[in-house]
All heavy atoms as atom14 arrays in JSON, in Angstrom:
{
  "sequence": "MTSDERTNYAESVKGRFTISRENAKNTVYLQMNSLKPEDTAVYYCNAD",
  "atom14_mask": [
    [1, 1, 1, 1, 1, 1, 1, 1, 0, 0, 0, 0, 0, 0],
    [1, 1, 1, 1, 1, 1, 1, 0, 0, 0, 0, 0, 0, 0],
    [1, 1, 1, 1, 1, 1, 0, 0, 0, 0, 0, 0, 0, 0],
    [1, 1, 1, 1, 1, 1, 1, 1, 0, 0, 0, 0, 0, 0],
    [1, 1, 1, 1, 1, 1, 1, 1, 1, 0, 0, 0, 0, 0],
    [1, 1, 1, 1, 1, 1, 1, 1, 1, 1, 1, 0, 0, 0],
    [1, 1, 1, 1, 1, 1, 1, 0, 0, 0, 0, 0, 0, 0],
    [1, 1, 1, 1, 1, 1, 1, 1, 0, 0, 0, 0, 0, 0],
    [1, 1, 1, 1, 1, 1, 1, 1, 1, 1, 1, 1, 0, 0],
    [1, 1, 1, 1, 1, 0, 0, 0, 0, 0, 0, 0, 0, 0],
    [1, 1, 1, 1, 1, 1, 1, 1, 1, 0, 0, 0, 0, 0],
    [1, 1, 1, 1, 1, 1, 0, 0, 0, 0, 0, 0, 0, 0],
    [1, 1, 1, 1, 1, 1, 1, 0, 0, 0, 0, 0, 0, 0],
    [1, 1, 1, 1, 1, 1, 1, 1, 1, 0, 0, 0, 0, 0],
    [1, 1, 1, 1, 0, 0, 0, 0, 0, 0, 0, 0, 0, 0],
    [1, 1, 1, 1, 1, 1, 1, 1, 1, 1, 1, 0, 0, 0],
    [1, 1, 1, 1, 1, 1, 1, 1, 1, 1, 1, 0, 0, 0],
    [1, 1, 1, 1, 1, 1, 1, 0, 0, 0, 0, 0, 0, 0],
    [1, 1, 1, 1, 1, 1, 1, 1, 0, 0, 0, 0, 0, 0],
    [1, 1, 1, 1, 1, 1, 0, 0, 0, 0, 0, 0, 0, 0],
    [1, 1, 1, 1, 1, 1, 1, 1, 1, 1, 1, 0, 0, 0],
    [1, 1, 1, 1, 1, 1, 1, 1, 1, 0, 0, 0, 0, 0],
    [1, 1, 1, 1, 1, 1, 1, 1, 0, 0, 0, 0, 0, 0],
    [1, 1, 1, 1, 1, 0, 0, 0, 0, 0, 0, 0, 0, 0],
    [1, 1, 1, 1, 1, 1, 1, 1, 1, 0, 0, 0, 0, 0],
    [1, 1, 1, 1, 1, 1, 1, 1, 0, 0, 0, 0, 0, 0],
    [1, 1, 1, 1, 1, 1, 1, 0, 0, 0, 0, 0, 0, 0],
    [1, 1, 1, 1, 1, 1, 1, 0, 0, 0, 0, 0, 0, 0],
    [1, 1, 1, 1, 1, 1, 1, 1, 1, 1, 1, 1, 0, 0],
    [1, 1, 1, 1, 1, 1, 1, 1, 0, 0, 0, 0, 0, 0],
    [1, 1, 1, 1, 1, 1, 1, 1, 1, 0, 0, 0, 0, 0],
    [1, 1, 1, 1, 1, 1, 1, 1, 0, 0, 0, 0, 0, 0],
    [1, 1, 1, 1, 1, 1, 1, 1, 0, 0, 0, 0, 0, 0],
    [1, 1, 1, 1, 1, 1, 0, 0, 0, 0, 0, 0, 0, 0],
    [1, 1, 1, 1, 1, 1, 1, 1, 0, 0, 0, 0, 0, 0],
    [1, 1, 1, 1, 1, 1, 1, 1, 1, 0, 0, 0, 0, 0],
    [1, 1, 1, 1, 1, 1, 1, 0, 0, 0, 0, 0, 0, 0],
    [1, 1, 1, 1, 1, 1, 1, 1, 1, 0, 0, 0, 0, 0],
    [1, 1, 1, 1, 1, 1, 1, 1, 0, 0, 0, 0, 0, 0],
    [1, 1, 1, 1, 1, 1, 1, 0, 0, 0, 0, 0, 0, 0],
    [1, 1, 1, 1, 1, 0, 0, 0, 0, 0, 0, 0, 0, 0],
    [1, 1, 1, 1, 1, 1, 1, 0, 0, 0, 0, 0, 0, 0],
    [1, 1, 1, 1, 1, 1, 1, 1, 1, 1, 1, 1, 0, 0],
    [1, 1, 1, 1, 1, 1, 1, 1, 1, 1, 1, 1, 0, 0],
    [1, 1, 1, 1, 1, 1, 0, 0, 0, 0, 0, 0, 0, 0],
    [1, 1, 1, 1, 1, 1, 1, 1, 0, 0, 0, 0, 0, 0],
    [1, 1, 1, 1, 1, 0, 0, 0, 0, 0, 0, 0, 0, 0],
    [1, 1, 1, 1, 1, 1, 1, 1, 0, 0, 0, 0, 0, 0]
  ],
  "atom14_positions": [
    [[3.19, 6.36, -10.04], [3.83, 6.8, -11.27], [3.27, 8.17, -11.65], [2.05, 8.34, -11.73], [3.61, 5.81, -12.41], [4.16, 6.28, -13.75], [3.79, 5.14, -15.11], [4.96, 3.82, -14.75], [0.0, 0.0, 0.0], [0.0, 0.0, 0.0], [0.0, 0.0, 0.0], [0.0, 0.0, 0.0], [0.0, 0.0, 0.0], [0.0, 0.0, 0.0]],
    [[4.14, 9.12, -11.91], [3.72, 10.44, -12.34], [3.45, 10.44, -13.84], [3.73, 9.48, -14.55], [4.79, 11.49, -12.0], [6.0, 11.18, -12.69], [5.06, 11.51, -10.5], [0.0, 0.0, 0.0], [0.0, 0.0, 0.0], [0.0, 0.0, 0.0], [0.0, 0.0, 0.0], [0.0, 0.0, 0.0], [0.0, 0.0, 0.0], [0.0, 0.0, 0.0]],
    [[2.9, 11.56, -14.32], [2.57, 11.66, -15.74], [3.8, 11.59, -16.64], [3.68, 11.22, -17.81], [1.79, 12.94, -16.02], [2.53, 14.08, -15.63], [0.0, 0.0, 0.0], [0.0, 0.0, 0.0], [0.0, 0.0, 0.0], [0.0, 0.0, 0.0], [0.0, 0.0, 0.0], [0.0, 0.0, 0.0], [0.0, 0.0, 0.0], [0.0, 0.0, 0.0]],
    [[4.96, 11.94, -16.1], [6.21, 11.8, -16.86], [6.92, 10.48, -16.54], [8.1, 10.33, -16.82], [7.14, 12.99, -16.63], [7.5, 13.2, -15.19], [6.92, 12.54, -14.31], [8.38, 14.05, -14.93], [0.0, 0.0, 0.0], [0.0, 0.0, 0.0], [0.0, 0.0, 0.0], [0.0, 0.0, 0.0], [0.0, 0.0, 0.0], [0.0, 0.0, 0.0]],
    [[6.2, 9.55, -15.91], [6.6, 8.16, -15.71], [7.72, 7.97, -14.7], [8.45, 6.97, -14.74], [6.94, 7.49, -17.04], [5.76, 7.46, -18.0], [5.99, 6.61, -19.21], [7.16, 6.32, -19.55], [4.99, 6.23, -19.85], [0.0, 0.0, 0.0], [0.0, 0.0, 0.0], [0.0, 0.0, 0.0], [0.0, 0.0, 0.0], [0.0, 0.0, 0.0]],
    [[7.86, 8.89, -13.78], [8.71, 8.64, -12.62], [7.96, 7.75, -11.65], [6.76, 7.92, -11.45], [9.09, 9.95, -11.93], [10.0, 10.85, -12.75], [10.2, 12.18, -12.07], [8.95, 12.93, -12.03], [8.73, 13.98, -11.26], [9.68, 14.41, -10.43], [7.57, 14.61, -11.31], [0.0, 0.0, 0.0], [0.0, 0.0, 0.0], [0.0, 0.0, 0.0]],
    [[8.64, 6.79, -11.06], [7.99, 5.82, -10.19], [8.64, 5.77, -8.82], [9.81, 6.06, -8.65], [8.04, 4.41, -10.8], [9.4, 4.01, -10.99], [7.31, 4.38, -12.13], [0.0, 0.0, 0.0], [0.0, 0.0, 0.0], [0.0, 0.0, 0.0], [0.0, 0.0, 0.0], [0.0, 0.0, 0.0], [0.0, 0.0, 0.0], [0.0, 0.0, 0.0]],
    [[7.84, 5.38, -7.84], [8.31, 5.1, -6.5], [7.51, 3.94, -5.94], [6.35, 3.73, -6.3], [8.17, 6.32, -5.58], [9.26, 7.33, -5.78], [10.42, 7.08, -5.46], [8.91, 8.49, -6.33], [0.0, 0.0, 0.0], [0.0, 0.0, 0.0], [0.0, 0.0, 0.0], [0.0, 0.0, 0.0], [0.0, 0.0, 0.0], [0.0, 0.0, 0.0]],
    [[8.13, 3.19, -5.04], [7.52, 2.0, -4.48], [7.71, 1.97, -2.97], [8.7, 2.48, -2.44], [8.15, 0.73, -5.07], [7.95, 0.6, -6.55], [8.88, 1.13, -7.45], [6.84, -0.06, -7.06], [8.7, 1.01, -8.81], [6.66, -0.19, -8.43], [7.58, 0.35, -9.29], [7.4, 0.23, -10.65], [0.0, 0.0, 0.0], [0.0, 0.0, 0.0]],
    [[6.76, 1.34, -2.31], [6.95, 1.05, -0.9], [8.14, 0.11, -0.72], [8.39, -0.75, -1.56], [5.69, 0.4, -0.32], [0.0, 0.0, 0.0], [0.0, 0.0, 0.0], [0.0, 0.0, 0.0], [0.0, 0.0, 0.0], [0.0, 0.0, 0.0], [0.0, 0.0, 0.0], [0.0, 0.0, 0.0], [0.0, 0.0, 0.0], [0.0, 0.0, 0.0]],
    [[8.88, 0.31, 0.36], [10.05, -0.52, 0.59], [9.7, -2.01, 0.63], [10.5, -2.84, 0.19], [10.75, -0.12, 1.89], [11.46, 1.22, 1.81], [12.61, 1.22, 0.82], [13.28, 0.17, 0.69], [12.85, 2.26, 0.18], [0.0, 0.0, 0.0], [0.0, 0.0, 0.0], [0.0, 0.0, 0.0], [0.0, 0.0, 0.0], [0.0, 0.0, 0.0]],
    [[8.53, -2.34, 1.11], [8.14, -3.73, 1.25], [7.93, -4.44, -0.08], [7.91, -5.67, -0.12], [6.86, -3.83, 2.09], [5.81, -3.11, 1.49], [0.0, 0.0, 0.0], [0.0, 0.0, 0.0], [0.0, 0.0, 0.0], [0.0, 0.0, 0.0], [0.0, 0.0, 0.0], [0.0, 0.0, 0.0], [0.0, 0.0, 0.0], [0.0, 0.0, 0.0]],
    [[7.76, -3.68, -1.18], [7.51, -4.3, -2.48], [8.58, -4.0, -3.51], [8.52, -4.53, -4.63], [6.13, -3.89, -3.04], [5.04, -4.16, -2.02], [6.12, -2.43, -3.47], [0.0, 0.0, 0.0], [0.0, 0.0, 0.0], [0.0, 0.0, 0.0], [0.0, 0.0, 0.0], [0.0, 0.0, 0.0], [0.0, 0.0, 0.0], [0.0, 0.0, 0.0]],
    [[9.57, -3.18, -3.18], [10.63, -2.85, -4.13], [11.32, -4.11, -4.63], [11.66, -5.0, -3.86], [11.65, -1.93, -3.49], [11.33, -0.46, -3.59], [12.45, 0.39, -3.03], [12.11, 1.86, -3.16], [13.14, 2.72, -2.52], [0.0, 0.0, 0.0], [0.0, 0.0, 0.0], [0.0, 0.0, 0.0], [0.0, 0.0, 0.0], [0.0, 0.0, 0.0]],
    [[11.53, -4.15, -5.93], [12.16, -5.3, -6.55], [11.2, -6.42, -6.88], [11.59, -7.36, -7.58], [0.0, 0.0, 0.0], [0.0, 0.0, 0.0], [0.0, 0.0, 0.0], [0.0, 0.0, 0.0], [0.0, 0.0, 0.0], [0.0, 0.0, 0.0], [0.0, 0.0, 0.0], [0.0, 0.0, 0.0], [0.0, 0.0, 0.0], [0.0, 0.0, 0.0]],
    [[9.97, -6.35, -6.39], [8.98, -7.39, -6.65], [7.79, -6.9, -7.46], [7.25, -7.64, -8.27], [8.47, -7.98, -5.33], [9.55, -8.62, -4.48], [8.94, -9.38, -3.3], [8.21, -8.49, -2.4], [6.93, -8.6, -2.11], [6.2, -9.57, -2.65], [6.35, -7.75, -1.26], [0.0, 0.0, 0.0], [0.0, 0.0, 0.0], [0.0, 0.0, 0.0]],
    [[7.37, -5.65, -7.24], [6.2, -5.09, -7.91], [6.63, -4.05, -8.93], [7.62, -3.33, -8.72], [5.27, -4.42, -6.9], [4.53, -5.36, -5.97], [4.87, -6.69, -5.87], [3.49, -4.86, -5.2], [4.19, -7.54, -5.0], [2.81, -5.69, -4.33], [3.16, -7.03, -4.24], [0.0, 0.0, 0.0], [0.0, 0.0, 0.0], [0.0, 0.0, 0.0]],
    [[5.87, -3.94, -10.02], [6.11, -2.94, -11.04], [4.81, -2.31, -11.48], [3.87, -3.01, -11.85], [6.81, -3.56, -12.26], [8.02, -4.2, -11.86], [7.15, -2.47, -13.28], [0.0, 0.0, 0.0], [0.0, 0.0, 0.0], [0.0, 0.0, 0.0], [0.0, 0.0, 0.0], [0.0, 0.0, 0.0], [0.0, 0.0, 0.0], [0.0, 0.0, 0.0]],
    [[4.76, -0.99, -11.45], [3.6, -0.26, -11.94], [3.86, 0.16, -13.38], [4.98, 0.56, -13.73], [3.28, 0.96, -11.05], [1.98, 1.64, -11.49], [4.44, 1.95, -11.03], [1.5, 2.72, -10.52], [0.0, 0.0, 0.0], [0.0, 0.0, 0.0], [0.0, 0.0, 0.0], [0.0, 0.0, 0.0], [0.0, 0.0, 0.0], [0.0, 0.0, 0.0]],
    [[2.85, 0.09, -14.22], [2.99, 0.47, -15.62], [1.63, 0.91, -16.15], [0.61, 0.75, -15.49], [3.56, -0.67, -16.47], [2.68, -1.77, -16.48], [0.0, 0.0, 0.0], [0.0, 0.0, 0.0], [0.0, 0.0, 0.0], [0.0, 0.0, 0.0], [0.0, 0.0, 0.0], [0.0, 0.0, 0.0], [0.0, 0.0, 0.0], [0.0, 0.0, 0.0]],
    [[1.63, 1.47, -17.34], [0.38, 1.87, -17.97], [0.48, 1.71, -19.47], [1.55, 1.78, -20.06], [0.01, 3.3, -17.6], [0.95, 4.36, -18.17], [0.57, 5.73, -17.66], [1.45, 6.76, -18.21], [1.65, 7.94, -17.66], [1.04, 8.25, -16.51], [2.45, 8.82, -18.23], [0.0, 0.0, 0.0], [0.0, 0.0, 0.0], [0.0, 0.0, 0.0]],
    [[-0.67, 1.51, -20.09], [-0.82, 1.52, -21.54], [-1.9, 2.54, -21.86], [-3.09, 2.26, -21.74], [-1.2, 0.15, -22.07], [-0.12, -0.89, -21.93], [-0.46, -2.18, -22.65], [-0.8, -2.11, -23.85], [-0.39, -3.24, -22.0], [0.0, 0.0, 0.0], [0.0, 0.0, 0.0], [0.0, 0.0, 0.0], [0.0, 0.0, 0.0], [0.0, 0.0, 0.0]],
    [[-1.47, 3.71, -22.26], [-2.41, 4.8, -22.48], [-3.43, 4.48, -23.57], [-4.59, 4.87, -23.47], [-1.65, 6.08, -22.84], [-0.83, 6.62, -21.69], [-1.12, 6.33, -20.52], [0.18, 7.41, -22.0], [0.0, 0.0, 0.0], [0.0, 0.0, 0.0], [0.0, 0.0, 0.0], [0.0, 0.0, 0.0], [0.0, 0.0, 0.0], [0.0, 0.0, 0.0]],
    [[-2.99, 3.77, -24.61], [-3.89, 3.44, -25.71], [-5.03, 2.54, -25.26], [-6.1, 2.53, -25.88], [-3.12, 2.8, -26.85], [0.0, 0.0, 0.0], [0.0, 0.0, 0.0], [0.0, 0.0, 0.0], [0.0, 0.0, 0.0], [0.0, 0.0, 0.0], [0.0, 0.0, 0.0], [0.0, 0.0, 0.0], [0.0, 0.0, 0.0], [0.0, 0.0, 0.0]],
    [[-4.8, 1.75, -24.21], [-5.82, 0.86, -23.68], [-6.53, 1.42, -22.46], [-7.39, 0.77, -21.88], [-5.21, -0.5, -23.33], [-4.66, -1.26, -24.52], [-4.13, -2.61, -24.09], [-3.61, -3.39, -25.28], [-3.09, -4.72, -24.89], [0.0, 0.0, 0.0], [0.0, 0.0, 0.0], [0.0, 0.0, 0.0], [0.0, 0.0, 0.0], [0.0, 0.0, 0.0]],
    [[-6.15, 2.62, -22.05], [-6.72, 3.26, -20.86], [-6.6, 2.35, -19.64], [-7.53, 2.24, -18.84], [-8.19, 3.63, -21.09], [-8.38, 4.54, -22.27], [-7.55, 5.4, -22.54], [-9.5, 4.38, -22.98], [0.0, 0.0, 0.0], [0.0, 0.0, 0.0], [0.0, 0.0, 0.0], [0.0, 0.0, 0.0], [0.0, 0.0, 0.0], [0.0, 0.0, 0.0]],
    [[-5.45, 1.72, -19.49], [-5.27, 0.7, -18.47], [-3.96, 0.89, -17.71], [-2.93, 1.18, -18.32], [-5.32, -0.7, -19.08], [-6.57, -0.88, -19.76], [-5.19, -1.76, -18.0], [0.0, 0.0, 0.0], [0.0, 0.0, 0.0], [0.0, 0.0, 0.0], [0.0, 0.0, 0.0], [0.0, 0.0, 0.0], [0.0, 0.0, 0.0], [0.0, 0.0, 0.0]],
    [[-4.04, 0.7, -16.41], [-2.89, 0.71, -15.52], [-2.7, -0.71, -14.99], [-3.67, -1.42, -14.75], [-3.1, 1.7, -14.37], [-1.96, 1.59, -13.35], [-3.2, 3.12, -14.89], [0.0, 0.0, 0.0], [0.0, 0.0, 0.0], [0.0, 0.0, 0.0], [0.0, 0.0, 0.0], [0.0, 0.0, 0.0], [0.0, 0.0, 0.0], [0.0, 0.0, 0.0]],
    [[-1.45, -1.1, -14.78], [-1.14, -2.45, -14.3], [-0.29, -2.4, -13.05], [0.47, -1.46, -12.82], [-0.39, -3.24, -15.37], [-1.09, -3.35, -16.69], [-0.74, -2.53, -17.75], [-2.12, -4.27, -16.88], [-1.38, -2.63, -18.97], [-2.77, -4.38, -18.09], [-2.4, -3.55, -19.13], [-3.04, -3.65, -20.34], [0.0, 0.0, 0.0], [0.0, 0.0, 0.0]],
    [[-0.41, -3.44, -12.26], [0.53, -3.7, -11.19], [0.98, -5.16, -11.31], [0.2, -6.07, -11.03], [-0.09, -3.46, -9.81], [0.87, -3.63, -8.63], [1.94, -2.53, -8.65], [0.12, -3.61, -7.31], [0.0, 0.0, 0.0], [0.0, 0.0, 0.0], [0.0, 0.0, 0.0], [0.0, 0.0, 0.0], [0.0, 0.0, 0.0], [0.0, 0.0, 0.0]],
    [[2.21, -5.35, -11.76], [2.78, -6.68, -11.84], [3.37, -7.02, -10.49], [4.22, -6.3, -9.97], [3.87, -6.72, -12.92], [4.56, -8.08, -13.04], [3.65, -9.15, -13.57], [2.91, -8.92, -14.53], [3.67, -10.31, -12.94], [0.0, 0.0, 0.0], [0.0, 0.0, 0.0], [0.0, 0.0, 0.0], [0.0, 0.0, 0.0], [0.0, 0.0, 0.0]],
    [[2.92, -8.12, -9.91], [3.33, -8.53, -8.59], [4.01, -9.89, -8.69], [3.38, -10.89, -9.04], [2.14, -8.61, -7.64], [1.33, -7.32, -7.56], [0.01, -7.4, -6.32], [-1.02, -8.68, -7.03], [0.0, 0.0, 0.0], [0.0, 0.0, 0.0], [0.0, 0.0, 0.0], [0.0, 0.0, 0.0], [0.0, 0.0, 0.0], [0.0, 0.0, 0.0]],
    [[5.3, -9.92, -8.4], [6.08, -11.15, -8.44], [6.52, -11.54, -7.03], [6.54, -10.71, -6.12], [7.31, -10.97, -9.33], [6.97, -10.68, -10.76], [5.97, -11.16, -11.29], [7.82, -9.89, -11.42], [0.0, 0.0, 0.0], [0.0, 0.0, 0.0], [0.0, 0.0, 0.0], [0.0, 0.0, 0.0], [0.0, 0.0, 0.0], [0.0, 0.0, 0.0]],
    [[6.89, -12.79, -6.88], [7.39, -13.3, -5.6], [6.47, -12.92, -4.46], [6.9, -12.41, -3.42], [8.81, -12.78, -5.35], [9.69, -13.16, -6.38], [0.0, 0.0, 0.0], [0.0, 0.0, 0.0], [0.0, 0.0, 0.0], [0.0, 0.0, 0.0], [0.0, 0.0, 0.0], [0.0, 0.0, 0.0], [0.0, 0.0, 0.0], [0.0, 0.0, 0.0]],
    [[5.21, -13.18, -4.63], [4.21, -12.77, -3.65], [4.42, -13.45, -2.3], [4.84, -14.61, -2.24], [2.81, -13.06, -4.17], [2.31, -12.05, -5.2], [1.13, -12.62, -5.98], [1.91, -10.75, -4.52], [0.0, 0.0, 0.0], [0.0, 0.0, 0.0], [0.0, 0.0, 0.0], [0.0, 0.0, 0.0], [0.0, 0.0, 0.0], [0.0, 0.0, 0.0]],
    [[4.13, -12.7, -1.26], [4.26, -13.16, 0.11], [2.91, -13.09, 0.81], [2.06, -12.29, 0.43], [5.27, -12.29, 0.87], [6.64, -12.21, 0.24], [7.52, -11.22, 1.0], [8.89, -11.12, 0.38], [9.75, -10.14, 1.1], [0.0, 0.0, 0.0], [0.0, 0.0, 0.0], [0.0, 0.0, 0.0], [0.0, 0.0, 0.0], [0.0, 0.0, 0.0]],
    [[2.71, -13.89, 1.85], [1.45, -13.78, 2.6], [1.18, -12.36, 3.1], [0.01, -11.96, 3.18], [1.65, -14.76, 3.75], [2.57, -15.79, 3.2], [3.52, -15.03, 2.3], [0.0, 0.0, 0.0], [0.0, 0.0, 0.0], [0.0, 0.0, 0.0], [0.0, 0.0, 0.0], [0.0, 0.0, 0.0], [0.0, 0.0, 0.0], [0.0, 0.0, 0.0]],
    [[2.22, -11.62, 3.41], [2.06, -10.24, 3.88], [1.5, -9.31, 2.81], [1.09, -8.2, 3.13], [3.41, -9.68, 4.36], [4.11, -10.54, 5.39], [5.06, -11.54, 4.75], [6.24, -11.19, 4.54], [4.62, -12.68, 4.47], [0.0, 0.0, 0.0], [0.0, 0.0, 0.0], [0.0, 0.0, 0.0], [0.0, 0.0, 0.0], [0.0, 0.0, 0.0]],
    [[1.48, -9.75, 1.56], [0.89, -8.96, 0.48], [-0.63, -9.08, 0.42], [-1.26, -8.38, -0.38], [1.48, -9.37, -0.87], [2.96, -9.11, -0.97], [3.42, -8.05, -0.5], [3.68, -9.98, -1.52], [0.0, 0.0, 0.0], [0.0, 0.0, 0.0], [0.0, 0.0, 0.0], [0.0, 0.0, 0.0], [0.0, 0.0, 0.0], [0.0, 0.0, 0.0]],
    [[-1.2, -9.95, 1.21], [-2.64, -10.14, 1.21], [-3.34, -8.85, 1.6], [-3.07, -8.27, 2.65], [-3.04, -11.26, 2.18], [-2.5, -12.5, 1.71], [-4.54, -11.39, 2.29], [0.0, 0.0, 0.0], [0.0, 0.0, 0.0], [0.0, 0.0, 0.0], [0.0, 0.0, 0.0], [0.0, 0.0, 0.0], [0.0, 0.0, 0.0], [0.0, 0.0, 0.0]],
    [[-4.25, -8.39, 0.75], [-4.94, -7.13, 0.96], [-5.93, -6.91, -0.17], [-5.93, -7.63, -1.17], [-3.95, -5.96, 1.0], [0.0, 0.0, 0.0], [0.0, 0.0, 0.0], [0.0, 0.0, 0.0], [0.0, 0.0, 0.0], [0.0, 0.0, 0.0], [0.0, 0.0, 0.0], [0.0, 0.0, 0.0], [0.0, 0.0, 0.0], [0.0, 0.0, 0.0]],
    [[-6.77, -5.91, 0.0], [-7.56, -5.39, -1.1], [-6.72, -4.3, -1.77], [-6.24, -3.39, -1.1], [-8.91, -4.82, -0.65], [-9.66, -4.22, -1.83], [-9.74, -5.91, 0.02], [0.0, 0.0, 0.0], [0.0, 0.0, 0.0], [0.0, 0.0, 0.0], [0.0, 0.0, 0.0], [0.0, 0.0, 0.0], [0.0, 0.0, 0.0], [0.0, 0.0, 0.0]],
    [[-6.55, -4.42, -3.07], [-5.73, -3.48, -3.83], [-6.63, -2.51, -4.6], [-7.58, -2.93, -5.27], [-4.81, -4.23, -4.79], [-3.64, -4.87, -4.09], [-3.82, -5.99, -3.29], [-2.36, -4.35, -4.22], [-2.76, -6.58, -2.63], [-1.28, -4.93, -3.57], [-1.48, -6.04, -2.78], [-0.42, -6.62, -2.13], [0.0, 0.0, 0.0], [0.0, 0.0, 0.0]],
    [[-6.29, -1.24, -4.53], [-7.06, -0.18, -5.17], [-6.17, 0.61, -6.12], [-5.04, 0.96, -5.77], [-7.62, 0.8, -4.14], [-8.53, 0.19, -3.11], [-8.03, -0.33, -1.92], [-9.9, 0.16, -3.31], [-8.86, -0.88, -0.97], [-10.75, -0.38, -2.36], [-10.23, -0.9, -1.19], [-11.07, -1.43, -0.25], [0.0, 0.0, 0.0], [0.0, 0.0, 0.0]],
    [[-6.7, 0.94, -7.29], [-5.99, 1.88, -8.15], [-6.53, 3.28, -7.93], [-7.69, 3.47, -7.51], [-6.06, 1.48, -9.62], [-7.68, 1.62, -10.4], [0.0, 0.0, 0.0], [0.0, 0.0, 0.0], [0.0, 0.0, 0.0], [0.0, 0.0, 0.0], [0.0, 0.0, 0.0], [0.0, 0.0, 0.0], [0.0, 0.0, 0.0], [0.0, 0.0, 0.0]],
    [[-5.68, 4.24, -8.18], [-6.01, 5.63, -7.96], [-5.42, 6.48, -9.08], [-4.32, 6.21, -9.55], [-5.45, 6.09, -6.61], [-5.6, 7.58, -6.39], [-4.7, 8.35, -6.73], [-6.71, 7.99, -5.81], [0.0, 0.0, 0.0], [0.0, 0.0, 0.0], [0.0, 0.0, 0.0], [0.0, 0.0, 0.0], [0.0, 0.0, 0.0], [0.0, 0.0, 0.0]],
    [[-6.16, 7.49, -9.5], [-5.66, 8.43, -10.49], [-5.93, 9.84, -10.03], [-7.07, 10.17, -9.65], [-6.32, 8.18, -11.85], [0.0, 0.0, 0.0], [0.0, 0.0, 0.0], [0.0, 0.0, 0.0], [0.0, 0.0, 0.0], [0.0, 0.0, 0.0], [0.0, 0.0, 0.0], [0.0, 0.0, 0.0], [0.0, 0.0, 0.0], [0.0, 0.0, 0.0]],
    [[-4.9, 10.64, -10.03], [-5.02, 12.07, -9.77], [-4.89, 12.75, -11.12], [-3.79, 12.81, -11.68], [-3.96, 12.54, -8.79], [-4.17, 13.97, -8.35], [-5.19, 14.24, -7.69], [-3.32, 14.82, -8.66], [0.0, 0.0, 0.0], [0.0, 0.0, 0.0], [0.0, 0.0, 0.0], [0.0, 0.0, 0.0], [0.0, 0.0, 0.0], [0.0, 0.0, 0.0]]
  ]
}
């Protein structure tokens, strides 16, 4: 997600995952629905 809130997703998670943020809480979220075994991984957040 860019600073003007444009978003892009990997094809493998489109329609299932949603990135969002709450600036007042200094927090970023990744909502993951309909999880699959292939989603198993260590997940990292990143900020530029």
